[in-house]
Amino acid sequence: MEDTNNVCPGCSRRTKERSEKEKRSMLNRLSRIEGQVRGIRKMVENDAYCPDILIQVSAVNAALNSFNKVLLAEHIRTCVTEDIREGKEETIDELVLTLQKLMK
């Protein structure tokens, strides 16, 4: 029988419960990134100099990459480790596919 505790009922996808501290940290990072993107939009609206915009876009890319590193590390430490301990070898294939997508 399928374990429905880790499945979103409307979409048949797995979910992950996060601690309030972890969730708050992730949301704070995303809020800062969102603010940076709004700042870039304002720069475009105000006809800012191209290199200045490009530097800000680079900063957003770096922030997103940092977010991905933290999320990926947490995923490996928790979800992947637990699944491997439970004998769910398909998790390794899922991780490899995810890494391939991240490295495009």
C-alpha atoms as a PDB file:
ATOM      1  CA  MET A   1       0.000   0.000   0.000  1.00  0.00           C
ATOM      2  CA  GLU A   2       1.280   3.483  -0.896  1.00  0.00           C
ATOM      3  CA  ASP A   3       2.373   5.831   1.872  1.00  0.00           C
ATOM      4  CA  THR A   4       0.053   8.821   1.535  1.00  0.00           C
ATOM      5  CA  ASN A   5       1.649  10.797   4.373  1.00  0.00           C
ATOM      6  CA  ASN A   6       4.238  12.248   1.979  1.00  0.00           C
ATOM      7  CA  VAL A   7       1.874  12.867  -0.923  1.00  0.00           C
ATOM      8  CA  CYS A   8       0.016  16.006  -1.835  1.00  0.00           C
ATOM      9  CA  PRO A   9      -3.594  14.767  -2.298  1.00  0.00           C
ATOM     10  CA  GLY A  10      -4.326  17.010  -5.269  1.00  0.00           C
ATOM     11  CA  CYS A  11      -1.187  16.334  -7.276  1.00  0.00           C
ATOM     12  CA  SER A  12       0.274  12.946  -6.270  1.00  0.00           C
ATOM     13  CA  ARG A  13       3.617  14.571  -5.488  1.00  0.00           C
ATOM     14  CA  ARG A  14       5.715  14.070  -2.416  1.00  0.00           C
ATOM     15  CA  THR A  15       5.925  16.803   0.166  1.00  0.00           C
ATOM     16  CA  LYS A  16       8.357  17.535   2.985  1.00  0.00           C
ATOM     17  CA  GLU A  17       7.550  18.817   6.411  1.00  0.00           C
ATOM     18  CA  ARG A  18      10.020  21.469   7.462  1.00  0.00           C
ATOM     19  CA  SER A  19      10.667  22.926  10.875  1.00  0.00           C
ATOM     20  CA  GLU A  20       9.419  26.453  11.431  1.00  0.00           C
ATOM     21  CA  LYS A  21      13.036  27.632  11.663  1.00  0.00           C
ATOM     22  CA  GLU A  22      13.964  26.030   8.331  1.00  0.00           C
ATOM     23  CA  LYS A  23      10.825  27.318   6.610  1.00  0.00           C
ATOM     24  CA  ARG A  24      11.317  30.840   7.992  1.00  0.00           C
ATOM     25  CA  SER A  25      14.955  30.869   6.831  1.00  0.00           C
ATOM     26  CA  MET A  26      14.005  29.750   3.321  1.00  0.00           C
ATOM     27  CA  LEU A  27      11.169  32.260   3.059  1.00  0.00           C
ATOM     28  CA  ASN A  28      13.425  35.081   4.301  1.00  0.00           C
ATOM     29  CA  ARG A  29      16.008  34.246   1.620  1.00  0.00           C
ATOM     30  CA  LEU A  30      13.303  34.183  -1.047  1.00  0.00           C
ATOM     31  CA  SER A  31      11.894  37.502   0.160  1.00  0.00           C
ATOM     32  CA  ARG A  32      15.332  39.108  -0.155  1.00  0.00           C
ATOM     33  CA  ILE A  33      15.694  37.689  -3.679  1.00  0.00           C
ATOM     34  CA  GLU A  34      12.227  38.928  -4.553  1.00  0.00           C
ATOM     35  CA  GLY A  35      13.236  42.397  -3.331  1.00  0.00           C
ATOM     36  CA  GLN A  36      16.366  42.278  -5.490  1.00  0.00           C
ATOM     37  CA  VAL A  37      14.272  41.390  -8.559  1.00  0.00           C
ATOM     38  CA  ARG A  38      11.894  44.276  -7.825  1.00  0.00           C
ATOM     39  CA  GLY A  39      14.953  46.526  -7.591  1.00  0.00           C
ATOM     40  CA  ILE A  40      16.113  45.368 -11.021  1.00  0.00           C
ATOM     41  CA  ARG A  41      12.651  46.090 -12.421  1.00  0.00           C
ATOM     42  CA  LYS A  42      12.869  49.635 -11.034  1.00  0.00           C
ATOM     43  CA  MET A  43      16.299  50.035 -12.589  1.00  0.00           C
ATOM     44  CA  VAL A  44      14.869  49.087 -15.996  1.00  0.00           C
ATOM     45  CA  GLU A  45      11.895  51.422 -15.505  1.00  0.00           C
ATOM     46  CA  ASN A  46      14.331  54.230 -14.627  1.00  0.00           C
ATOM     47  CA  ASP A  47      16.583  53.544 -17.627  1.00  0.00           C
ATOM     48  CA  ALA A  48      19.564  52.515 -15.509  1.00  0.00           C
ATOM     49  CA  TYR A  49      22.877  51.869 -17.237  1.00  0.00           C
ATOM     50  CA  CYS A  50      23.110  48.307 -18.644  1.00  0.00           C
ATOM     51  CA  PRO A  51      26.215  47.201 -16.681  1.00  0.00           C
ATOM     52  CA  ASP A  52      24.580  48.326 -13.427  1.00  0.00           C
ATOM     53  CA  ILE A  53      21.538  46.155 -14.194  1.00  0.00           C
ATOM     54  CA  LEU A  54      23.730  43.227 -15.234  1.00  0.00           C
ATOM     55  CA  ILE A  55      25.611  43.385 -11.929  1.00  0.00           C
ATOM     56  CA  GLN A  56      22.335  43.266 -10.009  1.00  0.00           C
ATOM     57  CA  VAL A  57      21.101  40.337 -12.118  1.00  0.00           C
ATOM     58  CA  SER A  58      24.354  38.553 -11.306  1.00  0.00           C
ATOM     59  CA  ALA A  59      23.710  39.156  -7.606  1.00  0.00           C
ATOM     60  CA  VAL A  60      20.232  37.614  -7.932  1.00  0.00           C
ATOM     61  CA  ASN A  61      21.688  34.604  -9.737  1.00  0.00           C
ATOM     62  CA  ALA A  62      24.242  34.167  -6.942  1.00  0.00           C
ATOM     63  CA  ALA A  63      21.504  34.410  -4.304  1.00  0.00           C
ATOM     64  CA  LEU A  64      19.396  31.790  -6.113  1.00  0.00           C
ATOM     65  CA  ASN A  65      22.418  29.506  -6.461  1.00  0.00           C
ATOM     66  CA  SER A  66      23.101  29.863  -2.754  1.00  0.00           C
ATOM     67  CA  PHE A  67      19.458  29.048  -2.000  1.00  0.00           C
ATOM     68  CA  ASN A  68      19.715  25.940  -4.202  1.00  0.00           C
ATOM     69  CA  LYS A  69      22.904  24.778  -2.428  1.00  0.00           C
ATOM     70  CA  VAL A  70      21.298  25.045   0.996  1.00  0.00           C
ATOM     71  CA  LEU A  71      18.104  23.321  -0.174  1.00  0.00           C
ATOM     72  CA  LEU A  72      19.991  20.553  -1.974  1.00  0.00           C
ATOM     73  CA  ALA A  73      22.212  19.870   1.047  1.00  0.00           C
ATOM     74  CA  GLU A  74      19.164  19.655   3.303  1.00  0.00           C
ATOM     75  CA  HIS A  75      17.417  17.364   0.810  1.00  0.00           C
ATOM     76  CA  ILE A  76      20.395  14.996   0.724  1.00  0.00           C
ATOM     77  CA  ARG A  77      20.770  15.008   4.530  1.00  0.00           C
ATOM     78  CA  THR A  78      17.104  14.245   5.134  1.00  0.00           C
ATOM     79  CA  CYS A  79      14.952  12.904   2.275  1.00  0.00           C
ATOM     80  CA  VAL A  80      17.643  11.078   0.320  1.00  0.00           C
ATOM     81  CA  THR A  81      19.293   9.597   3.406  1.00  0.00           C
ATOM     82  CA  GLU A  82      15.966   8.403   4.839  1.00  0.00           C
ATOM     83  CA  ASP A  83      14.876   6.865   1.533  1.00  0.00           C
ATOM     84  CA  ILE A  84      18.162   5.014   1.095  1.00  0.00           C
ATOM     85  CA  ARG A  85      17.902   3.647   4.640  1.00  0.00           C
ATOM     86  CA  GLU A  86      14.397   2.437   3.767  1.00  0.00           C
ATOM     87  CA  GLY A  87      15.749   0.717   0.645  1.00  0.00           C
ATOM     88  CA  LYS A  88      14.203   3.144  -1.850  1.00  0.00           C
ATOM     89  CA  GLU A  89      17.011   3.024  -4.408  1.00  0.00           C
ATOM     90  CA  GLU A  90      14.945   4.995  -6.970  1.00  0.00           C
ATOM     91  CA  THR A  91      15.718   8.076  -4.878  1.00  0.00           C
ATOM     92  CA  ILE A  92      19.270   8.018  -6.244  1.00  0.00           C
ATOM     93  CA  ASP A  93      17.909   8.182  -9.796  1.00  0.00           C
ATOM     94  CA  GLU A  94      15.677  11.077  -8.768  1.00  0.00           C
ATOM     95  CA  LEU A  95      18.670  12.878  -7.219  1.00  0.00           C
ATOM     96  CA  VAL A  96      20.792  12.342 -10.339  1.00  0.00           C
ATOM     97  CA  LEU A  97      17.980  13.692 -12.537  1.00  0.00           C
ATOM     98  CA  THR A  98      17.584  16.706 -10.260  1.00  0.00           C
ATOM     99  CA  LEU A  99      21.328  17.421 -10.374  1.00  0.00           C
ATOM    100  CA  GLN A 100      21.312  17.166 -14.164  1.00  0.00           C
ATOM    101  CA  LYS A 101      18.498  19.727 -14.331  1.00  0.00           C
ATOM    102  CA  LEU A 102      20.312  22.048 -11.927  1.00  0.00           C
ATOM    103  CA  MET A 103      23.505  21.906 -13.989  1.00  0.00           C
ATOM    104  CA  LYS A 104      21.964  22.932 -17.309  1.00  0.00           C
END
